Amino acid sequence: MEANTLLKDELTRNKDFYIARVTQIESLLKLSPKVLDLILSLVYSLSFYYN
C-alpha cells in the first residue's frame, strides 16, 4: 500500500513537471512561431544529410 502511494506521488509529480514543460514550450512557440519552422527545417536537413 505504501509503495502504491509513493508511486502515485511520483506519477503526480512527473505529470506536473511535464505539464509545466509543455506550457513552457507552448509559450516559447507563441513567442516566436518562426522558431518552430527553423527547428523543423534543421531536423529535416540533418536527416536528409545523414541518409
PDB file of N, CA and C in Angstrom:
ATOM      1  N   MET A   1       0.833  -1.206   0.000  1.00  0.00           N
ATOM      2  CA  MET A   1       0.000   0.000   0.000  1.00  0.00           C
ATOM      3  C   MET A   1       0.870   1.260   0.000  1.00  0.00           C
ATOM      4  N   GLU A   2       1.921   1.237   0.820  1.00  0.00           N
ATOM      5  CA  GLU A   2       2.794   2.404   0.909  1.00  0.00           C
ATOM      6  C   GLU A   2       3.547   2.628  -0.398  1.00  0.00           C
ATOM      7  N   ALA A   3       3.986   1.530  -1.022  1.00  0.00           N
ATOM      8  CA  ALA A   3       4.681   1.636  -2.308  1.00  0.00           C
ATOM      9  C   ALA A   3       3.746   2.209  -3.362  1.00  0.00           C
ATOM     10  N   ASN A   4       2.494   1.812  -3.293  1.00  0.00           N
ATOM     11  CA  ASN A   4       1.482   2.327  -4.208  1.00  0.00           C
ATOM     12  C   ASN A   4       1.350   3.834  -4.076  1.00  0.00           C
ATOM     13  N   THR A   5       1.305   4.316  -2.844  1.00  0.00           N
ATOM     14  CA  THR A   5       1.183   5.754  -2.581  1.00  0.00           C
ATOM     15  C   THR A   5       2.410   6.498  -3.087  1.00  0.00           C
ATOM     16  N   LEU A   6       3.589   5.906  -2.861  1.00  0.00           N
ATOM     17  CA  LEU A   6       4.826   6.531  -3.335  1.00  0.00           C
ATOM     18  C   LEU A   6       4.826   6.635  -4.854  1.00  0.00           C
ATOM     19  N   LEU A   7       4.409   5.566  -5.506  1.00  0.00           N
ATOM     20  CA  LEU A   7       4.354   5.550  -6.969  1.00  0.00           C
ATOM     21  C   LEU A   7       3.375   6.604  -7.473  1.00  0.00           C
ATOM     22  N   LYS A   8       2.229   6.689  -6.810  1.00  0.00           N
ATOM     23  CA  LYS A   8       1.217   7.669  -7.200  1.00  0.00           C
ATOM     24  C   LYS A   8       1.756   9.089  -7.051  1.00  0.00           C
ATOM     25  N   ASP A   9       2.441   9.344  -5.935  1.00  0.00           N
ATOM     26  CA  ASP A   9       3.040  10.665  -5.720  1.00  0.00           C
ATOM     27  C   ASP A   9       4.055  10.982  -6.808  1.00  0.00           C
ATOM     28  N   GLU A  10       4.866   9.992  -7.147  1.00  0.00           N
ATOM     29  CA  GLU A  10       5.893  10.172  -8.178  1.00  0.00           C
ATOM     30  C   GLU A  10       5.251  10.482  -9.528  1.00  0.00           C
ATOM     31  N   LEU A  11       4.198   9.739  -9.866  1.00  0.00           N
ATOM     32  CA  LEU A  11       3.498   9.968 -11.132  1.00  0.00           C
ATOM     33  C   LEU A  11       2.872  11.358 -11.168  1.00  0.00           C
ATOM     34  N   THR A  12       2.288  11.772 -10.051  1.00  0.00           N
ATOM     35  CA  THR A  12       1.690  13.103  -9.978  1.00  0.00           C
ATOM     36  C   THR A  12       2.750  14.176 -10.169  1.00  0.00           C
ATOM     37  N   ARG A  13       3.894  13.985  -9.519  1.00  0.00           N
ATOM     38  CA  ARG A  13       4.995  14.944  -9.654  1.00  0.00           C
ATOM     39  C   ARG A  13       5.467  15.015 -11.100  1.00  0.00           C
ATOM     40  N   ASN A  14       5.623  13.847 -11.732  1.00  0.00           N
ATOM     41  CA  ASN A  14       6.060  13.812 -13.125  1.00  0.00           C
ATOM     42  C   ASN A  14       5.040  14.480 -14.035  1.00  0.00           C
ATOM     43  N   LYS A  15       3.756  14.222 -13.777  1.00  0.00           N
ATOM     44  CA  LYS A  15       2.702  14.820 -14.589  1.00  0.00           C
ATOM     45  C   LYS A  15       2.764  16.341 -14.499  1.00  0.00           C
ATOM     46  N   ASP A  16       2.903  16.850 -13.276  1.00  0.00           N
ATOM     47  CA  ASP A  16       3.008  18.298 -13.085  1.00  0.00           C
ATOM     48  C   ASP A  16       4.219  18.852 -13.824  1.00  0.00           C
ATOM     49  N   PHE A  17       5.328  18.114 -13.755  1.00  0.00           N
ATOM     50  CA  PHE A  17       6.549  18.542 -14.429  1.00  0.00           C
ATOM     51  C   PHE A  17       6.338  18.604 -15.941  1.00  0.00           C
ATOM     52  N   TYR A  18       5.722  17.544 -16.504  1.00  0.00           N
ATOM     53  CA  TYR A  18       5.507  17.523 -17.951  1.00  0.00           C
ATOM     54  C   TYR A  18       4.527  18.598 -18.392  1.00  0.00           C
ATOM     55  N   ILE A  19       3.496  18.827 -17.596  1.00  0.00           N
ATOM     56  CA  ILE A  19       2.544  19.891 -17.925  1.00  0.00           C
ATOM     57  C   ILE A  19       3.257  21.239 -17.938  1.00  0.00           C
ATOM     58  N   ALA A  20       4.134  21.454 -16.960  1.00  0.00           N
ATOM     59  CA  ALA A  20       4.894  22.701 -16.909  1.00  0.00           C
ATOM     60  C   ALA A  20       5.799  22.833 -18.126  1.00  0.00           C
ATOM     61  N   ARG A  21       6.435  21.724 -18.520  1.00  0.00           N
ATOM     62  CA  ARG A  21       7.317  21.745 -19.687  1.00  0.00           C
ATOM     63  C   ARG A  21       6.530  22.065 -20.955  1.00  0.00           C
ATOM     64  N   VAL A  22       5.396  21.407 -21.128  1.00  0.00           N
ATOM     65  CA  VAL A  22       4.573  21.640 -22.317  1.00  0.00           C
ATOM     66  C   VAL A  22       4.109  23.086 -22.357  1.00  0.00           C
ATOM     67  N   THR A  23       3.698  23.615 -21.216  1.00  0.00           N
ATOM     68  CA  THR A  23       3.273  25.013 -21.138  1.00  0.00           C
ATOM     69  C   THR A  23       4.417  25.943 -21.507  1.00  0.00           C
ATOM     70  N   GLN A  24       5.615  25.603 -21.021  1.00  0.00           N
ATOM     71  CA  GLN A  24       6.801  26.401 -21.323  1.00  0.00           C
ATOM     72  C   GLN A  24       7.076  26.381 -22.824  1.00  0.00           C
ATOM     73  N   ILE A  25       7.008  25.188 -23.424  1.00  0.00           N
ATOM     74  CA  ILE A  25       7.261  25.050 -24.863  1.00  0.00           C
ATOM     75  C   ILE A  25       6.209  25.816 -25.657  1.00  0.00           C
ATOM     76  N   GLU A  26       4.944  25.697 -25.244  1.00  0.00           N
ATOM     77  CA  GLU A  26       3.868  26.417 -25.937  1.00  0.00           C
ATOM     78  C   GLU A  26       4.086  27.919 -25.894  1.00  0.00           C
ATOM     79  N   SER A  27       4.488  28.432 -24.742  1.00  0.00           N
ATOM     80  CA  SER A  27       4.706  29.876 -24.630  1.00  0.00           C
ATOM     81  C   SER A  27       5.891  30.309 -25.480  1.00  0.00           C
ATOM     82  N   LEU A  28       6.908  29.448 -25.580  1.00  0.00           N
ATOM     83  CA  LEU A  28       8.047  29.754 -26.445  1.00  0.00           C
ATOM     84  C   LEU A  28       7.606  29.810 -27.903  1.00  0.00           C
ATOM     85  N   LEU A  29       6.751  28.866 -28.291  1.00  0.00           N
ATOM     86  CA  LEU A  29       6.287  28.831 -29.677  1.00  0.00           C
ATOM     87  C   LEU A  29       5.392  30.026 -29.984  1.00  0.00           C
ATOM     88  N   LYS A  30       4.562  30.416 -29.022  1.00  0.00           N
ATOM     89  CA  LYS A  30       3.722  31.594 -29.222  1.00  0.00           C
ATOM     90  C   LYS A  30       4.579  32.842 -29.352  1.00  0.00           C
ATOM     91  N   LEU A  31       5.678  32.863 -28.603  1.00  0.00           N
ATOM     92  CA  LEU A  31       6.592  33.992 -28.647  1.00  0.00           C
ATOM     93  C   LEU A  31       7.168  34.164 -30.045  1.00  0.00           C
ATOM     94  N   SER A  32       7.592  33.064 -30.644  1.00  0.00           N
ATOM     95  CA  SER A  32       8.163  33.139 -31.985  1.00  0.00           C
ATOM     96  C   SER A  32       7.873  31.869 -32.781  1.00  0.00           C
ATOM     97  N   PRO A  33       6.801  31.890 -33.582  1.00  0.00           N
ATOM     98  CA  PRO A  33       6.446  30.718 -34.387  1.00  0.00           C
ATOM     99  C   PRO A  33       7.491  30.371 -35.441  1.00  0.00           C
ATOM    100  N   LYS A  34       8.343  31.342 -35.783  1.00  0.00           N
ATOM    101  CA  LYS A  34       9.385  31.059 -36.770  1.00  0.00           C
ATOM    102  C   LYS A  34      10.416  30.084 -36.226  1.00  0.00           C
ATOM    103  N   VAL A  35      10.549  30.038 -34.906  1.00  0.00           N
ATOM    104  CA  VAL A  35      11.495  29.114 -34.281  1.00  0.00           C
ATOM    105  C   VAL A  35      11.128  27.676 -34.628  1.00  0.00           C
ATOM    106  N   LEU A  36       9.833  27.368 -34.639  1.00  0.00           N
ATOM    107  CA  LEU A  36       9.387  26.023 -34.981  1.00  0.00           C
ATOM    108  C   LEU A  36       9.789  25.674 -36.406  1.00  0.00           C
ATOM    109  N   ASP A  37       9.564  26.584 -37.340  1.00  0.00           N
ATOM    110  CA  ASP A  37       9.969  26.359 -38.728  1.00  0.00           C
ATOM    111  C   ASP A  37      11.467  26.136 -38.823  1.00  0.00           C
ATOM    112  N   LEU A  38      12.224  26.924 -38.092  1.00  0.00           N
ATOM    113  CA  LEU A  38      13.674  26.803 -38.088  1.00  0.00           C
ATOM    114  C   LEU A  38      14.109  25.430 -37.596  1.00  0.00           C
ATOM    115  N   ILE A  39      13.537  24.998 -36.464  1.00  0.00           N
ATOM    116  CA  ILE A  39      13.883  23.692 -35.900  1.00  0.00           C
ATOM    117  C   ILE A  39      13.494  22.577 -36.861  1.00  0.00           C
ATOM    118  N   LEU A  40      12.296  22.660 -37.426  1.00  0.00           N
ATOM    119  CA  LEU A  40      11.838  21.619 -38.344  1.00  0.00           C
ATOM    120  C   LEU A  40      12.717  21.532 -39.582  1.00  0.00           C
ATOM    121  N   SER A  41      13.078  22.664 -40.148  1.00  0.00           N
ATOM    122  CA  SER A  41      13.930  22.648 -41.337  1.00  0.00           C
ATOM    123  C   SER A  41      15.322  22.132 -41.000  1.00  0.00           C
ATOM    124  N   LEU A  42      15.811  22.464 -39.806  1.00  0.00           N
ATOM    125  CA  LEU A  42      17.112  21.972 -39.363  1.00  0.00           C
ATOM    126  C   LEU A  42      17.087  20.455 -39.210  1.00  0.00           C
ATOM    127  N   VAL A  43      16.053  19.941 -38.545  1.00  0.00           N
ATOM    128  CA  VAL A  43      15.913  18.490 -38.368  1.00  0.00           C
ATOM    129  C   VAL A  43      15.794  17.808 -39.726  1.00  0.00           C
ATOM    130  N   TYR A  44      15.003  18.393 -40.612  1.00  0.00           N
ATOM    131  CA  TYR A  44      14.819  17.810 -41.936  1.00  0.00           C
ATOM    132  C   TYR A  44      16.135  17.770 -42.706  1.00  0.00           C
ATOM    133  N   SER A  45      16.868  18.866 -42.705  1.00  0.00           N
ATOM    134  CA  SER A  45      18.131  18.903 -43.446  1.00  0.00           C
ATOM    135  C   SER A  45      19.155  17.955 -42.835  1.00  0.00           C
ATOM    136  N   LEU A  46      19.155  17.827 -41.509  1.00  0.00           N
ATOM    137  CA  LEU A  46      20.077  16.895 -40.860  1.00  0.00           C
ATOM    138  C   LEU A  46      19.737  15.453 -41.218  1.00  0.00           C
ATOM    139  N   SER A  47      18.447  15.108 -41.193  1.00  0.00           N
ATOM    140  CA  SER A  47      18.057  13.738 -41.530  1.00  0.00           C
ATOM    141  C   SER A  47      18.346  13.459 -43.005  1.00  0.00           C
ATOM    142  N   PHE A  48      18.165  14.473 -43.847  1.00  0.00           N
ATOM    143  CA  PHE A  48      18.477  14.327 -45.274  1.00  0.00           C
ATOM    144  C   PHE A  48      19.978  14.120 -45.460  1.00  0.00           C
ATOM    145  N   TYR A  49      20.763  14.849 -44.691  1.00  0.00           N
ATOM    146  CA  TYR A  49      22.221  14.782 -44.770  1.00  0.00           C
ATOM    147  C   TYR A  49      22.743  13.416 -44.339  1.00  0.00           C
ATOM    148  N   TYR A  50      22.143  12.872 -43.270  1.00  0.00           N
ATOM    149  CA  TYR A  50      22.623  11.584 -42.761  1.00  0.00           C
ATOM    150  C   TYR A  50      22.099  10.393 -43.555  1.00  0.00           C
ATOM    151  N   ASN A  51      21.075  10.586 -44.359  1.00  0.00           N
ATOM    152  CA  ASN A  51      20.579   9.496 -45.210  1.00  0.00           C
ATOM    153  C   ASN A  51      21.305   9.573 -46.529  1.00  0.00           C
TER     154      ASN A  51
END
